[in-house]
């Protein structure tokens, strides 16, 4: 639902404005049909305290929402010099902290390179190199995530990776019931490391195609935890690589929802092309 909200909003308001979009998100949160996350709850508290954008966003929320928003902003601003600034502006609406911004920016760099015709290997290298050269305060968090994902992809199964991440997080609490599960949550960097791991696996396996799209998303599902957020990044990246989403998967989506997604996605794509041409 959050991904669809961001897409619908930007399709109607293609010039990103943090103040306006934060007001729209607050309205959407009131109508949201799911379980509000901590960032949404904090936004409501902050607005009640009279705060405005960017102070409206949660300073402590370091979850995967960052790259969910970055995907849509990248589709609209692909090839434009203001892309990364606009990604930060949109991320800070919900998550006003440097960790979320850094992972959102890295995701945007990765996806933009693919949309402009680069291979997955080139896109991963470009994103990692760009973060190393970045002035972002939390760039090392992202560089470390790339390195962990790359190393794990050489020898470890996705389950082994999940256990390693979980044990690192809970190293001081080995008796906790969450000892084997903490790394599966929506928290960064884990929720970025797992998609990156699957991307490195895809690179090693050759040219990513429709079959690999399906295989990677199924691996993500079986890894459990925050499969939905990770799946958005995995799906976006590997769908660009394969240049399609499997028809058999699309047929499982109800026609009304699919029509809504097609309509708003096509509008966003038309806006991106029109502004590039201009």
C-alpha atoms as a PDB file:
ATOM      1  CA  UNK A   1       0.000   0.000   0.000  1.00  0.00           C
ATOM      2  CA  UNK A   2       2.824   2.408   0.804  1.00  0.00           C
ATOM      3  CA  UNK A   3       4.477   1.749  -2.545  1.00  0.00           C
ATOM      4  CA  UNK A   4       1.201   2.397  -4.361  1.00  0.00           C
ATOM      5  CA  UNK A   5       0.618   5.602  -2.381  1.00  0.00           C
ATOM      6  CA  UNK A   6       4.055   6.968  -3.334  1.00  0.00           C
ATOM      7  CA  UNK A   7       3.518   6.003  -6.984  1.00  0.00           C
ATOM      8  CA  UNK A   8       0.055   7.554  -7.180  1.00  0.00           C
ATOM      9  CA  UNK A   9       1.219  10.703  -5.417  1.00  0.00           C
ATOM     10  CA  UNK A  10       4.214  11.267  -7.709  1.00  0.00           C
ATOM     11  CA  UNK A  11       2.155  10.523 -10.812  1.00  0.00           C
ATOM     12  CA  UNK A  12      -0.102  13.422  -9.823  1.00  0.00           C
ATOM     13  CA  UNK A  13       2.641  15.617  -8.328  1.00  0.00           C
ATOM     14  CA  UNK A  14       5.777  15.010 -10.403  1.00  0.00           C
ATOM     15  CA  UNK A  15       7.716  17.941  -8.917  1.00  0.00           C
ATOM     16  CA  UNK A  16       8.713  16.580  -5.509  1.00  0.00           C
ATOM     17  CA  UNK A  17       8.002  18.902  -2.607  1.00  0.00           C
ATOM     18  CA  UNK A  18       8.662  17.501   0.865  1.00  0.00           C
ATOM     19  CA  UNK A  19       6.181  19.760   2.642  1.00  0.00           C
ATOM     20  CA  UNK A  20       3.301  18.956   0.294  1.00  0.00           C
ATOM     21  CA  UNK A  21       4.049  15.244   0.157  1.00  0.00           C
ATOM     22  CA  UNK A  22       4.327  14.978   3.956  1.00  0.00           C
ATOM     23  CA  UNK A  23       0.815  16.441   4.255  1.00  0.00           C
ATOM     24  CA  UNK A  24      -0.426  13.923   1.684  1.00  0.00           C
ATOM     25  CA  UNK A  25       1.229  11.056   3.526  1.00  0.00           C
ATOM     26  CA  UNK A  26      -0.389  12.064   6.806  1.00  0.00           C
ATOM     27  CA  UNK A  27      -3.772  11.984   5.082  1.00  0.00           C
ATOM     28  CA  UNK A  28      -2.963   8.581   3.618  1.00  0.00           C
ATOM     29  CA  UNK A  29      -1.876   7.238   7.024  1.00  0.00           C
ATOM     30  CA  UNK A  30      -5.312   8.090   8.413  1.00  0.00           C
ATOM     31  CA  UNK A  31      -6.857   5.913   5.695  1.00  0.00           C
ATOM     32  CA  UNK A  32      -4.210   3.175   5.770  1.00  0.00           C
ATOM     33  CA  UNK A  33      -5.789  -0.251   6.105  1.00  0.00           C
ATOM     34  CA  UNK A  34      -2.801  -2.111   7.530  1.00  0.00           C
ATOM     35  CA  UNK A  35      -0.773  -2.022  10.735  1.00  0.00           C
ATOM     36  CA  UNK A  36       0.935   1.374  11.072  1.00  0.00           C
ATOM     37  CA  UNK A  37       4.705   1.093  11.395  1.00  0.00           C
ATOM     38  CA  UNK A  38       6.723   2.961  14.014  1.00  0.00           C
ATOM     39  CA  UNK A  39       7.596   5.732  11.567  1.00  0.00           C
ATOM     40  CA  UNK A  40       3.941   6.397  10.766  1.00  0.00           C
ATOM     41  CA  UNK A  41       3.078   6.520  14.459  1.00  0.00           C
ATOM     42  CA  UNK A  42       5.941   8.924  15.113  1.00  0.00           C
ATOM     43  CA  UNK A  43       4.804  11.192  12.283  1.00  0.00           C
ATOM     44  CA  UNK A  44       1.391  11.463  13.945  1.00  0.00           C
ATOM     45  CA  UNK A  45       3.031  12.310  17.284  1.00  0.00           C
ATOM     46  CA  UNK A  46       5.272  14.885  15.647  1.00  0.00           C
ATOM     47  CA  UNK A  47       2.441  16.632  13.824  1.00  0.00           C
ATOM     48  CA  UNK A  48       0.486  16.780  17.080  1.00  0.00           C
ATOM     49  CA  UNK A  49       3.559  18.483  18.588  1.00  0.00           C
ATOM     50  CA  UNK A  50       3.450  21.103  15.845  1.00  0.00           C
ATOM     51  CA  UNK A  51       6.460  19.855  13.889  1.00  0.00           C
ATOM     52  CA  UNK A  52       6.806  20.380  10.140  1.00  0.00           C
ATOM     53  CA  UNK A  53       8.798  18.701   7.396  1.00  0.00           C
ATOM     54  CA  UNK A  54      11.565  17.510   7.671  1.00  0.00           C
ATOM     55  CA  UNK A  55      11.307  17.319  11.476  1.00  0.00           C
ATOM     56  CA  UNK A  56       8.028  15.477  10.931  1.00  0.00           C
ATOM     57  CA  UNK A  57       9.877  12.286   9.961  1.00  0.00           C
ATOM     58  CA  UNK A  58      10.982   9.710  12.500  1.00  0.00           C
ATOM     59  CA  UNK A  59      14.620  10.218  13.529  1.00  0.00           C
ATOM     60  CA  UNK A  60      14.910   6.635  14.785  1.00  0.00           C
ATOM     61  CA  UNK A  61      13.195   4.632  12.005  1.00  0.00           C
ATOM     62  CA  UNK A  62      15.943   2.824  10.069  1.00  0.00           C
ATOM     63  CA  UNK A  63      13.751   0.349   8.229  1.00  0.00           C
ATOM     64  CA  UNK A  64      13.274  -0.620   4.601  1.00  0.00           C
ATOM     65  CA  UNK A  65      10.746   2.125   3.739  1.00  0.00           C
ATOM     66  CA  UNK A  66      13.731   4.123   2.460  1.00  0.00           C
ATOM     67  CA  UNK A  67      14.320   2.023  -0.635  1.00  0.00           C
ATOM     68  CA  UNK A  68      10.604   1.547  -1.275  1.00  0.00           C
ATOM     69  CA  UNK A  69      10.300   5.293  -1.823  1.00  0.00           C
ATOM     70  CA  UNK A  70      13.626   5.499  -3.668  1.00  0.00           C
ATOM     71  CA  UNK A  71      12.406   3.072  -6.335  1.00  0.00           C
ATOM     72  CA  UNK A  72       9.500   5.285  -7.363  1.00  0.00           C
ATOM     73  CA  UNK A  73      11.488   8.525  -7.215  1.00  0.00           C
ATOM     74  CA  UNK A  74      14.166   6.922  -9.393  1.00  0.00           C
ATOM     75  CA  UNK A  75      11.610   5.911 -12.017  1.00  0.00           C
ATOM     76  CA  UNK A  76      10.469   9.547 -12.212  1.00  0.00           C
ATOM     77  CA  UNK A  77      13.860  11.275 -12.019  1.00  0.00           C
ATOM     78  CA  UNK A  78      15.998   8.723 -13.880  1.00  0.00           C
ATOM     79  CA  UNK A  79      18.801  10.440 -15.776  1.00  0.00           C
ATOM     80  CA  UNK A  80      18.222  13.772 -14.071  1.00  0.00           C
ATOM     81  CA  UNK A  81      20.879  15.490 -11.936  1.00  0.00           C
ATOM     82  CA  UNK A  82      18.475  16.161  -9.061  1.00  0.00           C
ATOM     83  CA  UNK A  83      17.637  12.463  -8.555  1.00  0.00           C
ATOM     84  CA  UNK A  84      19.605  11.830  -5.362  1.00  0.00           C
ATOM     85  CA  UNK A  85      18.513  15.091  -3.740  1.00  0.00           C
ATOM     86  CA  UNK A  86      14.894  14.199  -4.466  1.00  0.00           C
ATOM     87  CA  UNK A  87      15.371  10.699  -3.036  1.00  0.00           C
ATOM     88  CA  UNK A  88      16.656  12.236   0.197  1.00  0.00           C
ATOM     89  CA  UNK A  89      13.774  14.708   0.269  1.00  0.00           C
ATOM     90  CA  UNK A  90      11.178  11.940  -0.038  1.00  0.00           C
ATOM     91  CA  UNK A  91      12.901   9.558   2.390  1.00  0.00           C
ATOM     92  CA  UNK A  92      13.064  12.238   5.105  1.00  0.00           C
ATOM     93  CA  UNK A  93       9.269  12.651   4.993  1.00  0.00           C
ATOM     94  CA  UNK A  94       8.935   9.349   6.824  1.00  0.00           C
ATOM     95  CA  UNK A  95      12.465   8.726   8.131  1.00  0.00           C
ATOM     96  CA  UNK A  96      14.384  11.847   9.032  1.00  0.00           C
ATOM     97  CA  UNK A  97      17.746  10.180   9.625  1.00  0.00           C
ATOM     98  CA  UNK A  98      21.010   9.650   7.763  1.00  0.00           C
ATOM     99  CA  UNK A  99      20.929   5.835   7.761  1.00  0.00           C
ATOM    100  CA  UNK A 100      17.643   5.706   5.860  1.00  0.00           C
ATOM    101  CA  UNK A 101      18.852   8.373   3.432  1.00  0.00           C
ATOM    102  CA  UNK A 102      22.100   6.512   2.703  1.00  0.00           C
ATOM    103  CA  UNK A 103      20.360   3.242   1.857  1.00  0.00           C
ATOM    104  CA  UNK A 104      17.717   5.060  -0.173  1.00  0.00           C
ATOM    105  CA  UNK A 105      20.394   6.836  -2.198  1.00  0.00           C
ATOM    106  CA  UNK A 106      22.331   3.604  -2.798  1.00  0.00           C
ATOM    107  CA  UNK A 107      19.180   1.885  -4.044  1.00  0.00           C
ATOM    108  CA  UNK A 108      18.489   4.786  -6.400  1.00  0.00           C
ATOM    109  CA  UNK A 109      22.002   4.675  -7.884  1.00  0.00           C
ATOM    110  CA  UNK A 110      21.687   0.926  -8.441  1.00  0.00           C
ATOM    111  CA  UNK A 111      18.287   1.115 -10.110  1.00  0.00           C
ATOM    112  CA  UNK A 112      19.125   4.166 -12.231  1.00  0.00           C
ATOM    113  CA  UNK A 113      22.146   2.430 -13.756  1.00  0.00           C
ATOM    114  CA  UNK A 114      19.928  -0.496 -14.755  1.00  0.00           C
ATOM    115  CA  UNK A 115      17.232   1.752 -16.204  1.00  0.00           C
ATOM    116  CA  UNK A 116      19.878   3.514 -18.286  1.00  0.00           C
ATOM    117  CA  UNK A 117      21.000   0.208 -19.808  1.00  0.00           C
ATOM    118  CA  UNK A 118      23.723  -1.056 -17.480  1.00  0.00           C
ATOM    119  CA  UNK A 119      24.115  -4.672 -16.461  1.00  0.00           C
ATOM    120  CA  UNK A 120      23.397  -5.821 -12.918  1.00  0.00           C
ATOM    121  CA  UNK A 121      27.123  -6.218 -12.263  1.00  0.00           C
ATOM    122  CA  UNK A 122      27.807  -2.683 -13.491  1.00  0.00           C
ATOM    123  CA  UNK A 123      24.943  -1.321 -11.405  1.00  0.00           C
ATOM    124  CA  UNK A 124      26.142  -2.993  -8.205  1.00  0.00           C
ATOM    125  CA  UNK A 125      29.705  -1.774  -8.784  1.00  0.00           C
ATOM    126  CA  UNK A 126      28.520   1.744  -9.524  1.00  0.00           C
ATOM    127  CA  UNK A 127      26.354   1.902  -6.400  1.00  0.00           C
ATOM    128  CA  UNK A 128      29.114   0.593  -4.140  1.00  0.00           C
ATOM    129  CA  UNK A 129      31.753   2.909  -5.654  1.00  0.00           C
ATOM    130  CA  UNK A 130      29.437   5.908  -5.453  1.00  0.00           C
ATOM    131  CA  UNK A 131      28.818   5.269  -1.785  1.00  0.00           C
ATOM    132  CA  UNK A 132      32.550   4.979  -1.082  1.00  0.00           C
ATOM    133  CA  UNK A 133      33.038   8.379  -2.729  1.00  0.00           C
ATOM    134  CA  UNK A 134      29.923   9.918  -1.171  1.00  0.00           C
ATOM    135  CA  UNK A 135      29.817  12.657   1.452  1.00  0.00           C
ATOM    136  CA  UNK A 136      26.860  10.998   3.201  1.00  0.00           C
ATOM    137  CA  UNK A 137      27.512  10.538   6.916  1.00  0.00           C
ATOM    138  CA  UNK A 138      26.346   6.896   6.929  1.00  0.00           C
ATOM    139  CA  UNK A 139      28.014   5.805   3.708  1.00  0.00           C
ATOM    140  CA  UNK A 140      30.147   3.259   5.574  1.00  0.00           C
ATOM    141  CA  UNK A 141      26.990   1.448   6.698  1.00  0.00           C
ATOM    142  CA  UNK A 142      26.048   0.935   3.068  1.00  0.00           C
ATOM    143  CA  UNK A 143      29.549  -0.001   1.914  1.00  0.00           C
ATOM    144  CA  UNK A 144      29.684  -2.566   4.714  1.00  0.00           C
ATOM    145  CA  UNK A 145      26.347  -3.972   3.595  1.00  0.00           C
ATOM    146  CA  UNK A 146      27.630  -4.439   0.044  1.00  0.00           C
ATOM    147  CA  UNK A 147      30.764  -6.166   1.347  1.00  0.00           C
ATOM    148  CA  UNK A 148      28.824  -8.534   3.629  1.00  0.00           C
ATOM    149  CA  UNK A 149      26.412  -9.445   0.856  1.00  0.00           C
ATOM    150  CA  UNK A 150      29.193 -10.064  -1.649  1.00  0.00           C
ATOM    151  CA  UNK A 151      31.197 -12.250   0.737  1.00  0.00           C
ATOM    152  CA  UNK A 152      28.145 -14.283   1.775  1.00  0.00           C
ATOM    153  CA  UNK A 153      27.127 -14.829  -1.851  1.00  0.00           C
ATOM    154  CA  UNK A 154      30.371 -16.690  -2.513  1.00  0.00           C
ATOM    155  CA  UNK A 155      29.814 -19.519  -0.028  1.00  0.00           C
ATOM    156  CA  UNK A 156      26.715 -19.143   2.163  1.00  0.00           C
ATOM    157  CA  UNK A 157      23.105 -20.120   1.636  1.00  0.00           C
ATOM    158  CA  UNK A 158      20.508 -17.445   2.276  1.00  0.00           C
ATOM    159  CA  UNK A 159      19.602 -19.222   5.524  1.00  0.00           C
ATOM    160  CA  UNK A 160      23.220 -19.108   6.658  1.00  0.00           C
ATOM    161  CA  UNK A 161      23.271 -15.392   5.877  1.00  0.00           C
ATOM    162  CA  UNK A 162      20.098 -14.838   7.887  1.00  0.00           C
ATOM    163  CA  UNK A 163      21.556 -16.667  10.876  1.00  0.00           C
ATOM    164  CA  UNK A 164      24.805 -14.706  10.672  1.00  0.00           C
ATOM    165  CA  UNK A 165      22.954 -11.381  10.593  1.00  0.00           C
ATOM    166  CA  UNK A 166      20.696 -12.457  13.456  1.00  0.00           C
ATOM    167  CA  UNK A 167      23.570 -13.642  15.641  1.00  0.00           C
ATOM    168  CA  UNK A 168      25.496 -10.405  15.070  1.00  0.00           C
ATOM    169  CA  UNK A 169      22.514  -8.358  16.183  1.00  0.00           C
ATOM    170  CA  UNK A 170      21.799 -10.544  19.220  1.00  0.00           C
ATOM    171  CA  UNK A 171      25.411 -11.383  20.136  1.00  0.00           C
ATOM    172  CA  UNK A 172      24.889 -10.209  23.716  1.00  0.00           C
ATOM    173  CA  UNK A 173      21.634 -12.148  24.077  1.00  0.00           C
ATOM    174  CA  UNK A 174      22.300 -15.709  22.870  1.00  0.00           C
ATOM    175  CA  UNK A 175      19.427 -17.059  24.968  1.00  0.00           C
ATOM    176  CA  UNK A 176      16.880 -14.722  23.409  1.00  0.00           C
ATOM    177  CA  UNK A 177      14.051 -16.317  21.395  1.00  0.00           C
ATOM    178  CA  UNK A 178      15.021 -13.838  18.664  1.00  0.00           C
ATOM    179  CA  UNK A 179      18.619 -15.078  18.453  1.00  0.00           C
ATOM    180  CA  UNK A 180      17.995 -16.820  15.106  1.00  0.00           C
ATOM    181  CA  UNK A 181      15.438 -14.343  13.801  1.00  0.00           C
ATOM    182  CA  UNK A 182      16.510 -10.729  14.451  1.00  0.00           C
ATOM    183  CA  UNK A 183      18.270 -10.397  11.085  1.00  0.00           C
ATOM    184  CA  UNK A 184      15.081 -11.209   9.200  1.00  0.00           C
ATOM    185  CA  UNK A 185      13.310  -8.003  10.197  1.00  0.00           C
ATOM    186  CA  UNK A 186      12.700  -4.859   8.160  1.00  0.00           C
ATOM    187  CA  UNK A 187      15.628  -3.081   9.849  1.00  0.00           C
ATOM    188  CA  UNK A 188      18.570  -1.825   7.838  1.00  0.00           C
ATOM    189  CA  UNK A 189      21.194  -2.924   6.994  1.00  0.00           C
ATOM    190  CA  UNK A 190      19.830  -6.496   7.041  1.00  0.00           C
ATOM    191  CA  UNK A 191      16.861  -5.720   4.830  1.00  0.00           C
ATOM    192  CA  UNK A 192      19.302  -4.361   2.221  1.00  0.00           C
ATOM    193  CA  UNK A 193      21.979  -7.036   2.618  1.00  0.00           C
ATOM    194  CA  UNK A 194      19.597  -9.858   1.692  1.00  0.00           C
ATOM    195  CA  UNK A 195      18.521  -8.345  -1.662  1.00  0.00           C
ATOM    196  CA  UNK A 196      22.163  -7.427  -2.405  1.00  0.00           C
ATOM    197  CA  UNK A 197      23.169 -11.036  -1.657  1.00  0.00           C
ATOM    198  CA  UNK A 198      20.599 -12.279  -4.190  1.00  0.00           C
ATOM    199  CA  UNK A 199      21.845  -9.754  -6.760  1.00  0.00           C
ATOM    200  CA  UNK A 200      25.428 -10.993  -6.388  1.00  0.00           C
ATOM    201  CA  UNK A 201      24.135 -14.558  -6.733  1.00  0.00           C
ATOM    202  CA  UNK A 202      22.327 -13.502  -9.902  1.00  0.00           C
ATOM    203  CA  UNK A 203      25.481 -11.919 -11.318  1.00  0.00           C
ATOM    204  CA  UNK A 204      27.455 -15.105 -10.667  1.00  0.00           C
ATOM    205  CA  UNK A 205      24.770 -17.156 -12.396  1.00  0.00           C
ATOM    206  CA  UNK A 206      24.957 -15.229 -15.649  1.00  0.00           C
ATOM    207  CA  UNK A 207      22.441 -12.896 -17.266  1.00  0.00           C
ATOM    208  CA  UNK A 208      19.415 -12.434 -14.948  1.00  0.00           C
ATOM    209  CA  UNK A 209      16.214 -13.495 -16.671  1.00  0.00           C
ATOM    210  CA  UNK A 210      12.569 -14.264 -15.897  1.00  0.00           C
ATOM    211  CA  UNK A 211      13.461 -17.617 -14.347  1.00  0.00           C
ATOM    212  CA  UNK A 212      15.964 -15.984 -11.992  1.00  0.00           C
ATOM    213  CA  UNK A 213      13.381 -13.331 -11.064  1.00  0.00           C
ATOM    214  CA  UNK A 214      11.090 -16.115  -9.846  1.00  0.00           C
ATOM    215  CA  UNK A 215      13.857 -18.096  -8.144  1.00  0.00           C
ATOM    216  CA  UNK A 216      15.205 -15.078  -6.240  1.00  0.00           C
ATOM    217  CA  UNK A 217      11.822 -13.941  -4.975  1.00  0.00           C
ATOM    218  CA  UNK A 218      10.970 -17.462  -3.848  1.00  0.00           C
ATOM    219  CA  UNK A 219      14.275 -17.663  -1.968  1.00  0.00           C
ATOM    220  CA  UNK A 220      13.417 -14.370  -0.312  1.00  0.00           C
ATOM    221  CA  UNK A 221      10.006 -15.695   0.735  1.00  0.00           C
ATOM    222  CA  UNK A 222      11.477 -18.869   2.207  1.00  0.00           C
ATOM    223  CA  UNK A 223      14.007 -16.790   4.163  1.00  0.00           C
ATOM    224  CA  UNK A 224      11.003 -15.430   6.124  1.00  0.00           C
ATOM    225  CA  UNK A 225      10.806 -12.172   8.049  1.00  0.00           C
ATOM    226  CA  UNK A 226      10.132  -8.948   6.167  1.00  0.00           C
ATOM    227  CA  UNK A 227       9.700 -10.681   2.823  1.00  0.00           C
ATOM    228  CA  UNK A 228       7.469  -7.919   1.439  1.00  0.00           C
ATOM    229  CA  UNK A 229       9.879  -4.970   1.775  1.00  0.00           C
ATOM    230  CA  UNK A 230      12.866  -6.967   0.557  1.00  0.00           C
ATOM    231  CA  UNK A 231      10.713  -8.312  -2.264  1.00  0.00           C
ATOM    232  CA  UNK A 232       9.981  -4.806  -3.539  1.00  0.00           C
ATOM    233  CA  UNK A 233      13.669  -4.063  -4.082  1.00  0.00           C
ATOM    234  CA  UNK A 234      14.419  -7.554  -5.415  1.00  0.00           C
ATOM    235  CA  UNK A 235      11.432  -7.427  -7.753  1.00  0.00           C
ATOM    236  CA  UNK A 236      12.176  -3.930  -9.053  1.00  0.00           C
ATOM    237  CA  UNK A 237      15.818  -4.678  -9.824  1.00  0.00           C
ATOM    238  CA  UNK A 238      15.379  -8.133 -11.340  1.00  0.00           C
ATOM    239  CA  UNK A 239      12.302  -7.117 -13.348  1.00  0.00           C
ATOM    240  CA  UNK A 240      14.408  -4.426 -15.036  1.00  0.00           C
ATOM    241  CA  UNK A 241      17.107  -7.028 -15.712  1.00  0.00           C
ATOM    242  CA  UNK A 242      14.598  -9.481 -17.201  1.00  0.00           C
ATOM    243  CA  UNK A 243      12.664  -6.661 -18.888  1.00  0.00           C
ATOM    244  CA  UNK A 244       9.403  -8.169 -17.669  1.00  0.00           C
ATOM    245  CA  UNK A 245       7.403  -9.637 -14.817  1.00  0.00           C
ATOM    246  CA  UNK A 246       6.280 -13.222 -15.496  1.00  0.00           C
ATOM    247  CA  UNK A 247       2.817 -13.274 -17.030  1.00  0.00           C
ATOM    248  CA  UNK A 248       1.843 -16.183 -14.784  1.00  0.00           C
ATOM    249  CA  UNK A 249       2.473 -13.935 -11.761  1.00  0.00           C
ATOM    250  CA  UNK A 250       0.528 -11.011 -13.202  1.00  0.00           C
ATOM    251  CA  UNK A 251      -2.437 -13.322 -13.794  1.00  0.00           C
ATOM    252  CA  UNK A 252      -2.609 -13.988 -10.047  1.00  0.00           C
ATOM    253  CA  UNK A 253      -3.309 -10.304  -9.298  1.00  0.00           C
ATOM    254  CA  UNK A 254      -6.968  -9.302  -9.356  1.00  0.00           C
ATOM    255  CA  UNK A 255      -7.837  -7.360 -12.507  1.00  0.00           C
ATOM    256  CA  UNK A 256      -8.937  -4.167 -10.751  1.00  0.00           C
ATOM    257  CA  UNK A 257      -5.698  -3.861  -8.783  1.00  0.00           C
ATOM    258  CA  UNK A 258      -3.578  -4.712 -11.820  1.00  0.00           C
ATOM    259  CA  UNK A 259      -5.388  -2.098 -13.917  1.00  0.00           C
ATOM    260  CA  UNK A 260      -4.754   0.532 -11.236  1.00  0.00           C
ATOM    261  CA  UNK A 261      -1.058  -0.353 -11.082  1.00  0.00           C
ATOM    262  CA  UNK A 262      -0.717  -0.324 -14.882  1.00  0.00           C
ATOM    263  CA  UNK A 263      -2.446   3.041 -15.153  1.00  0.00           C
ATOM    264  CA  UNK A 264      -0.358   4.833 -12.551  1.00  0.00           C
ATOM    265  CA  UNK A 265       2.911   3.183 -13.666  1.00  0.00           C
ATOM    266  CA  UNK A 266       2.322   4.195 -17.279  1.00  0.00           C
ATOM    267  CA  UNK A 267       1.561   7.747 -16.195  1.00  0.00           C
ATOM    268  CA  UNK A 268       4.769   7.892 -14.175  1.00  0.00           C
ATOM    269  CA  UNK A 269       6.762   6.534 -17.122  1.00  0.00           C
ATOM    270  CA  UNK A 270       5.217   9.112 -19.482  1.00  0.00           C
ATOM    271  CA  UNK A 271       6.129  11.898 -17.050  1.00  0.00           C
ATOM    272  CA  UNK A 272       9.710  10.639 -16.806  1.00  0.00           C
ATOM    273  CA  UNK A 273      10.075  10.542 -20.605  1.00  0.00           C
ATOM    274  CA  UNK A 274       8.411  13.953 -21.055  1.00  0.00           C
ATOM    275  CA  UNK A 275      10.666  15.683 -18.542  1.00  0.00           C
ATOM    276  CA  UNK A 276      13.771  14.004 -20.025  1.00  0.00           C
ATOM    277  CA  UNK A 277      12.774  15.244 -23.474  1.00  0.00           C
ATOM    278  CA  UNK A 278      12.169  18.738 -22.135  1.00  0.00           C
END
